Amino acid sequence: MTAHLAWLVTDGRVLASANIATERASRRKGLSGQTHIEGAFVIPNCRWVHTFGMRVPIDIAYLDADGNVIKTVQMSKTRLGAPVWNARTVVEAQKGAFARWGINVGNKIEVRDSDNNESTPQ
C-alpha cells in the first residue's frame, strides 16, 4: 500500500501527521485491520466511506473543495456511511482524535506535503 506522508494543519497549527491515499490499493485498504491509528488517513476525491473490516471506531471529517469541514461523524465498526455530495476529501482518524485536535464543522483543514510544506489540492 502506497500512501504519501503529509501534515494536517488548521490556522497555522499542525494537528497530526497524515497518510494520503495516493493509489487505488491504498484507498481500498484504508484503515481496515488496524487496531490503533496514529495520525490521520486522507482520501482525496471521496464523498462517502464505510467501516467494514475496521477493528476500531473512527472519526470522519468531510471537506469541501476549499478544505472546509462540512460534516463530522463518528462511525462504529461495520457501518456504511451516507454520501456527502459536497465533499471532495475525507479525513479519518481514531475515535476521539477530532475532539483532541479541535476539529469542528467550519474549520479549514490544509493537507500539507511533508516534503515541501505545500498544500495538497483537495
N, C-alpha and C. Protein backbone atom coordinates (compact mmCIF):
# COMPACT_ATOMS: atom_id res chain seq x y z
N MET A 1 0.84 -1.17 0.00
CA MET A 1 0.00 0.00 0.00
C MET A 1 0.89 1.23 0.00
N THR A 2 0.68 2.11 -0.94
CA THR A 2 1.42 3.34 -1.03
C THR A 2 0.56 4.48 -0.55
N ALA A 3 1.08 5.23 0.38
CA ALA A 3 0.40 6.44 0.84
C ALA A 3 1.47 7.50 1.00
N HIS A 4 1.11 8.72 0.72
CA HIS A 4 2.03 9.84 0.76
C HIS A 4 1.95 10.50 2.13
N LEU A 5 3.07 10.79 2.77
CA LEU A 5 3.08 11.40 4.09
C LEU A 5 2.84 12.90 4.00
N ALA A 6 2.00 13.41 4.89
CA ALA A 6 1.66 14.83 4.92
C ALA A 6 1.35 15.23 6.36
N TRP A 7 0.94 16.49 6.52
CA TRP A 7 0.53 17.03 7.82
C TRP A 7 -0.85 17.66 7.68
N LEU A 8 -1.69 17.48 8.70
CA LEU A 8 -2.96 18.19 8.76
C LEU A 8 -2.70 19.48 9.53
N VAL A 9 -3.12 20.61 8.93
CA VAL A 9 -2.86 21.92 9.52
C VAL A 9 -4.14 22.74 9.51
N THR A 10 -4.40 23.46 10.58
CA THR A 10 -5.51 24.42 10.62
C THR A 10 -5.03 25.65 11.37
N ASP A 11 -5.34 26.81 10.84
CA ASP A 11 -4.93 28.09 11.46
C ASP A 11 -3.45 28.12 11.80
N GLY A 12 -2.61 27.54 10.92
CA GLY A 12 -1.17 27.54 11.14
C GLY A 12 -0.70 26.56 12.20
N ARG A 13 -1.59 25.75 12.72
CA ARG A 13 -1.28 24.78 13.78
C ARG A 13 -1.30 23.38 13.21
N VAL A 14 -0.22 22.63 13.42
CA VAL A 14 -0.16 21.24 12.96
C VAL A 14 -1.00 20.38 13.90
N LEU A 15 -1.96 19.66 13.31
CA LEU A 15 -2.84 18.80 14.11
C LEU A 15 -2.26 17.40 14.25
N ALA A 16 -1.79 16.85 13.13
CA ALA A 16 -1.32 15.46 13.15
C ALA A 16 -0.60 15.14 11.84
N SER A 17 0.14 14.06 11.87
CA SER A 17 0.67 13.53 10.62
C SER A 17 -0.47 12.84 9.89
N ALA A 18 -0.32 12.71 8.58
CA ALA A 18 -1.39 12.09 7.80
C ALA A 18 -0.79 11.30 6.65
N ASN A 19 -1.43 10.20 6.34
CA ASN A 19 -1.11 9.45 5.13
C ASN A 19 -2.21 9.75 4.12
N ILE A 20 -1.79 10.10 2.91
CA ILE A 20 -2.75 10.40 1.85
C ILE A 20 -2.83 9.18 0.94
N ALA A 21 -4.03 8.70 0.70
CA ALA A 21 -4.24 7.56 -0.19
C ALA A 21 -3.98 8.03 -1.63
N THR A 22 -2.82 7.67 -2.15
CA THR A 22 -2.43 8.15 -3.48
C THR A 22 -2.69 7.14 -4.58
N GLU A 23 -2.97 5.92 -4.23
CA GLU A 23 -3.22 4.88 -5.23
C GLU A 23 -4.50 4.12 -4.89
N ARG A 24 -5.04 3.47 -5.88
CA ARG A 24 -6.28 2.72 -5.71
C ARG A 24 -6.18 1.68 -4.59
N ALA A 25 -5.04 0.99 -4.51
CA ALA A 25 -4.87 -0.04 -3.47
C ALA A 25 -4.91 0.57 -2.07
N SER A 26 -4.29 1.73 -1.87
CA SER A 26 -4.30 2.35 -0.54
C SER A 26 -5.69 2.88 -0.19
N ARG A 27 -6.45 3.34 -1.20
CA ARG A 27 -7.83 3.77 -0.95
C ARG A 27 -8.69 2.57 -0.55
N ARG A 28 -8.49 1.46 -1.23
CA ARG A 28 -9.30 0.27 -0.98
C ARG A 28 -9.01 -0.31 0.40
N LYS A 29 -7.74 -0.38 0.80
CA LYS A 29 -7.39 -0.94 2.11
C LYS A 29 -7.72 0.02 3.24
N GLY A 30 -7.43 1.30 3.03
CA GLY A 30 -7.74 2.29 4.06
C GLY A 30 -7.16 1.92 5.42
N LEU A 31 -7.99 1.99 6.44
CA LEU A 31 -7.56 1.69 7.81
C LEU A 31 -8.01 0.30 8.26
N SER A 32 -8.55 -0.49 7.35
CA SER A 32 -9.06 -1.79 7.76
C SER A 32 -7.96 -2.67 8.34
N GLY A 33 -8.33 -3.39 9.39
CA GLY A 33 -7.41 -4.31 10.05
C GLY A 33 -6.56 -3.70 11.13
N GLN A 34 -6.48 -2.39 11.21
CA GLN A 34 -5.63 -1.75 12.22
C GLN A 34 -6.33 -1.74 13.58
N THR A 35 -5.54 -1.95 14.63
CA THR A 35 -6.10 -1.93 15.98
C THR A 35 -5.85 -0.60 16.67
N HIS A 36 -4.96 0.21 16.13
CA HIS A 36 -4.67 1.54 16.66
C HIS A 36 -4.27 2.42 15.48
N ILE A 37 -4.74 3.64 15.48
CA ILE A 37 -4.48 4.55 14.37
C ILE A 37 -3.68 5.74 14.88
N GLU A 38 -2.51 5.95 14.32
CA GLU A 38 -1.69 7.12 14.63
C GLU A 38 -1.95 8.17 13.56
N GLY A 39 -2.20 9.38 13.94
CA GLY A 39 -2.41 10.44 12.96
C GLY A 39 -3.72 10.28 12.23
N ALA A 40 -3.69 10.62 10.93
CA ALA A 40 -4.91 10.61 10.13
C ALA A 40 -4.67 9.93 8.79
N PHE A 41 -5.76 9.58 8.15
CA PHE A 41 -5.74 8.98 6.81
C PHE A 41 -6.62 9.85 5.93
N VAL A 42 -6.07 10.35 4.83
CA VAL A 42 -6.77 11.29 3.96
C VAL A 42 -7.08 10.60 2.63
N ILE A 43 -8.34 10.71 2.21
CA ILE A 43 -8.78 10.12 0.95
C ILE A 43 -9.29 11.25 0.04
N PRO A 44 -8.46 11.66 -0.94
CA PRO A 44 -8.92 12.69 -1.87
C PRO A 44 -10.01 12.16 -2.79
N ASN A 45 -10.80 13.07 -3.34
CA ASN A 45 -11.86 12.71 -4.29
C ASN A 45 -12.78 11.63 -3.73
N CYS A 46 -13.27 11.87 -2.53
CA CYS A 46 -14.10 10.88 -1.83
C CYS A 46 -15.30 11.59 -1.22
N ARG A 47 -16.46 10.94 -1.30
CA ARG A 47 -17.70 11.51 -0.75
C ARG A 47 -18.36 10.63 0.30
N TRP A 48 -17.93 9.39 0.44
CA TRP A 48 -18.53 8.51 1.44
C TRP A 48 -17.54 7.40 1.78
N VAL A 49 -17.73 6.84 2.97
CA VAL A 49 -16.85 5.77 3.44
C VAL A 49 -17.66 4.69 4.14
N HIS A 50 -17.01 3.59 4.40
CA HIS A 50 -17.59 2.51 5.20
C HIS A 50 -16.55 2.06 6.21
N THR A 51 -16.99 1.28 7.18
CA THR A 51 -16.05 0.78 8.19
C THR A 51 -16.04 -0.75 8.22
N PHE A 52 -16.37 -1.38 7.11
CA PHE A 52 -16.28 -2.84 7.03
C PHE A 52 -14.81 -3.23 7.11
N GLY A 53 -14.49 -4.20 7.92
CA GLY A 53 -13.10 -4.63 8.09
C GLY A 53 -12.33 -3.82 9.12
N MET A 54 -12.95 -2.81 9.69
CA MET A 54 -12.30 -1.98 10.70
C MET A 54 -12.36 -2.68 12.05
N ARG A 55 -11.33 -2.49 12.83
CA ARG A 55 -11.30 -3.06 14.18
C ARG A 55 -11.57 -2.03 15.26
N VAL A 56 -11.53 -0.75 14.87
CA VAL A 56 -11.76 0.33 15.83
C VAL A 56 -12.73 1.34 15.23
N PRO A 57 -13.52 2.02 16.08
CA PRO A 57 -14.37 3.09 15.58
C PRO A 57 -13.51 4.28 15.16
N ILE A 58 -14.02 5.11 14.24
CA ILE A 58 -13.23 6.22 13.73
C ILE A 58 -14.03 7.52 13.69
N ASP A 59 -13.28 8.62 13.70
CA ASP A 59 -13.82 9.95 13.41
C ASP A 59 -13.66 10.18 11.92
N ILE A 60 -14.63 10.85 11.32
CA ILE A 60 -14.57 11.15 9.89
C ILE A 60 -14.94 12.61 9.69
N ALA A 61 -14.11 13.32 8.92
CA ALA A 61 -14.41 14.70 8.53
C ALA A 61 -14.52 14.75 7.02
N TYR A 62 -15.59 15.36 6.56
CA TYR A 62 -15.80 15.55 5.13
C TYR A 62 -15.43 16.99 4.80
N LEU A 63 -14.52 17.18 3.83
CA LEU A 63 -14.05 18.51 3.46
C LEU A 63 -14.59 18.88 2.08
N ASP A 64 -14.93 20.16 1.90
CA ASP A 64 -15.35 20.62 0.58
C ASP A 64 -14.12 20.92 -0.27
N ALA A 65 -14.31 21.46 -1.45
CA ALA A 65 -13.21 21.71 -2.38
C ALA A 65 -12.20 22.71 -1.84
N ASP A 66 -12.60 23.56 -0.90
CA ASP A 66 -11.69 24.55 -0.31
C ASP A 66 -11.03 24.05 0.98
N GLY A 67 -11.35 22.83 1.39
CA GLY A 67 -10.77 22.28 2.62
C GLY A 67 -11.56 22.59 3.87
N ASN A 68 -12.75 23.16 3.72
CA ASN A 68 -13.60 23.45 4.87
C ASN A 68 -14.30 22.19 5.34
N VAL A 69 -14.33 21.98 6.65
CA VAL A 69 -15.04 20.83 7.22
C VAL A 69 -16.53 21.11 7.11
N ILE A 70 -17.23 20.25 6.35
CA ILE A 70 -18.67 20.45 6.17
C ILE A 70 -19.50 19.45 6.98
N LYS A 71 -18.85 18.39 7.46
CA LYS A 71 -19.56 17.42 8.30
C LYS A 71 -18.53 16.57 9.03
N THR A 72 -18.83 16.23 10.28
CA THR A 72 -18.03 15.26 11.02
C THR A 72 -18.95 14.21 11.59
N VAL A 73 -18.48 12.98 11.65
CA VAL A 73 -19.24 11.88 12.24
C VAL A 73 -18.27 10.93 12.92
N GLN A 74 -18.81 10.15 13.85
CA GLN A 74 -18.08 9.02 14.40
C GLN A 74 -18.78 7.78 13.90
N MET A 75 -18.01 6.82 13.41
CA MET A 75 -18.60 5.58 12.90
C MET A 75 -18.02 4.39 13.65
N SER A 76 -18.91 3.51 14.05
CA SER A 76 -18.52 2.25 14.66
C SER A 76 -18.06 1.29 13.57
N LYS A 77 -17.56 0.15 14.01
CA LYS A 77 -17.15 -0.90 13.06
C LYS A 77 -18.36 -1.39 12.26
N THR A 78 -18.08 -1.86 11.06
CA THR A 78 -19.06 -2.47 10.15
C THR A 78 -20.29 -1.59 9.88
N ARG A 79 -20.04 -0.36 9.51
CA ARG A 79 -21.12 0.58 9.16
C ARG A 79 -20.88 1.12 7.76
N LEU A 80 -21.96 1.56 7.13
CA LEU A 80 -21.90 2.20 5.82
C LEU A 80 -22.39 3.63 5.99
N GLY A 81 -21.53 4.58 5.66
CA GLY A 81 -21.89 5.99 5.79
C GLY A 81 -22.70 6.46 4.60
N ALA A 82 -23.47 7.50 4.82
CA ALA A 82 -24.23 8.13 3.73
C ALA A 82 -23.31 9.06 2.95
N PRO A 83 -23.50 9.15 1.65
CA PRO A 83 -22.69 10.08 0.85
C PRO A 83 -22.91 11.53 1.28
N VAL A 84 -21.84 12.31 1.23
CA VAL A 84 -21.91 13.75 1.47
C VAL A 84 -21.55 14.39 0.14
N TRP A 85 -22.56 14.80 -0.61
CA TRP A 85 -22.38 15.16 -2.01
C TRP A 85 -21.46 16.34 -2.23
N ASN A 86 -21.37 17.27 -1.30
CA ASN A 86 -20.48 18.42 -1.47
C ASN A 86 -19.05 18.13 -1.04
N ALA A 87 -18.79 16.96 -0.50
CA ALA A 87 -17.45 16.61 -0.04
C ALA A 87 -16.53 16.31 -1.22
N ARG A 88 -15.27 16.66 -1.05
CA ARG A 88 -14.24 16.34 -2.05
C ARG A 88 -13.11 15.52 -1.44
N THR A 89 -12.98 15.57 -0.11
CA THR A 89 -11.92 14.86 0.59
C THR A 89 -12.47 14.34 1.91
N VAL A 90 -12.00 13.17 2.32
CA VAL A 90 -12.37 12.61 3.62
C VAL A 90 -11.11 12.45 4.46
N VAL A 91 -11.22 12.83 5.73
CA VAL A 91 -10.14 12.63 6.69
C VAL A 91 -10.65 11.67 7.75
N GLU A 92 -9.90 10.60 7.99
CA GLU A 92 -10.26 9.60 9.01
C GLU A 92 -9.20 9.57 10.10
N ALA A 93 -9.64 9.33 11.33
CA ALA A 93 -8.72 9.21 12.47
C ALA A 93 -9.39 8.33 13.52
N GLN A 94 -8.59 7.92 14.51
CA GLN A 94 -9.15 7.11 15.59
C GLN A 94 -10.19 7.92 16.35
N LYS A 95 -11.25 7.25 16.80
CA LYS A 95 -12.34 7.90 17.52
C LYS A 95 -11.78 8.73 18.68
N GLY A 96 -12.23 9.97 18.76
CA GLY A 96 -11.78 10.87 19.83
C GLY A 96 -10.68 11.82 19.38
N ALA A 97 -10.02 11.52 18.27
CA ALA A 97 -8.92 12.37 17.80
C ALA A 97 -9.39 13.77 17.45
N PHE A 98 -10.55 13.89 16.79
CA PHE A 98 -11.02 15.21 16.38
C PHE A 98 -11.31 16.09 17.60
N ALA A 99 -11.83 15.52 18.66
CA ALA A 99 -12.07 16.29 19.88
C ALA A 99 -10.75 16.79 20.46
N ARG A 100 -9.73 15.95 20.47
CA ARG A 100 -8.41 16.35 20.96
C ARG A 100 -7.78 17.41 20.07
N TRP A 101 -7.99 17.31 18.77
CA TRP A 101 -7.38 18.24 17.81
C TRP A 101 -8.21 19.51 17.63
N GLY A 102 -9.44 19.51 18.11
CA GLY A 102 -10.31 20.67 17.95
C GLY A 102 -10.91 20.82 16.56
N ILE A 103 -11.13 19.70 15.87
CA ILE A 103 -11.73 19.75 14.53
C ILE A 103 -13.25 19.80 14.66
N ASN A 104 -13.84 20.81 14.05
CA ASN A 104 -15.28 21.01 14.05
C ASN A 104 -15.74 21.47 12.68
N VAL A 105 -17.04 21.37 12.43
CA VAL A 105 -17.61 21.91 11.19
C VAL A 105 -17.26 23.39 11.13
N GLY A 106 -16.82 23.82 9.95
CA GLY A 106 -16.43 25.21 9.75
C GLY A 106 -14.93 25.44 9.75
N ASN A 107 -14.17 24.53 10.38
CA ASN A 107 -12.71 24.65 10.33
C ASN A 107 -12.21 24.47 8.91
N LYS A 108 -11.11 25.11 8.59
CA LYS A 108 -10.45 24.88 7.31
C LYS A 108 -9.23 24.02 7.59
N ILE A 109 -9.14 22.89 6.89
CA ILE A 109 -8.04 21.95 7.07
C ILE A 109 -7.17 21.98 5.82
N GLU A 110 -5.88 22.14 6.01
CA GLU A 110 -4.92 22.02 4.92
C GLU A 110 -4.20 20.69 5.07
N VAL A 111 -3.96 20.05 3.94
CA VAL A 111 -3.15 18.83 3.93
C VAL A 111 -1.83 19.23 3.29
N ARG A 112 -0.80 19.39 4.12
CA ARG A 112 0.50 19.87 3.64
C ARG A 112 1.46 18.72 3.42
N ASP A 113 2.03 18.72 2.25
CA ASP A 113 3.03 17.73 1.87
C ASP A 113 4.21 17.82 2.83
N SER A 114 4.65 16.70 3.37
CA SER A 114 5.75 16.70 4.33
C SER A 114 7.09 17.04 3.69
N ASP A 115 7.22 16.86 2.37
CA ASP A 115 8.49 17.12 1.70
C ASP A 115 8.74 18.60 1.45
N ASN A 116 7.69 19.34 1.07
CA ASN A 116 7.93 20.73 0.72
C ASN A 116 6.94 21.72 1.35
N ASN A 117 6.13 21.25 2.29
CA ASN A 117 5.18 22.09 3.03
C ASN A 117 4.14 22.78 2.16
N GLU A 118 3.92 22.30 0.94
CA GLU A 118 2.86 22.86 0.11
C GLU A 118 1.57 22.13 0.36
N SER A 119 0.47 22.84 0.23
CA SER A 119 -0.83 22.22 0.42
C SER A 119 -1.17 21.31 -0.75
N THR A 120 -1.71 20.15 -0.43
CA THR A 120 -2.16 19.22 -1.45
C THR A 120 -3.55 19.63 -1.88
N PRO A 121 -3.83 19.66 -3.18
CA PRO A 121 -5.18 20.02 -3.62
C PRO A 121 -6.21 19.07 -3.03
N GLN A 122 -7.33 19.63 -2.63
CA GLN A 122 -8.42 18.84 -2.08
C GLN A 122 -9.12 18.26 -3.23
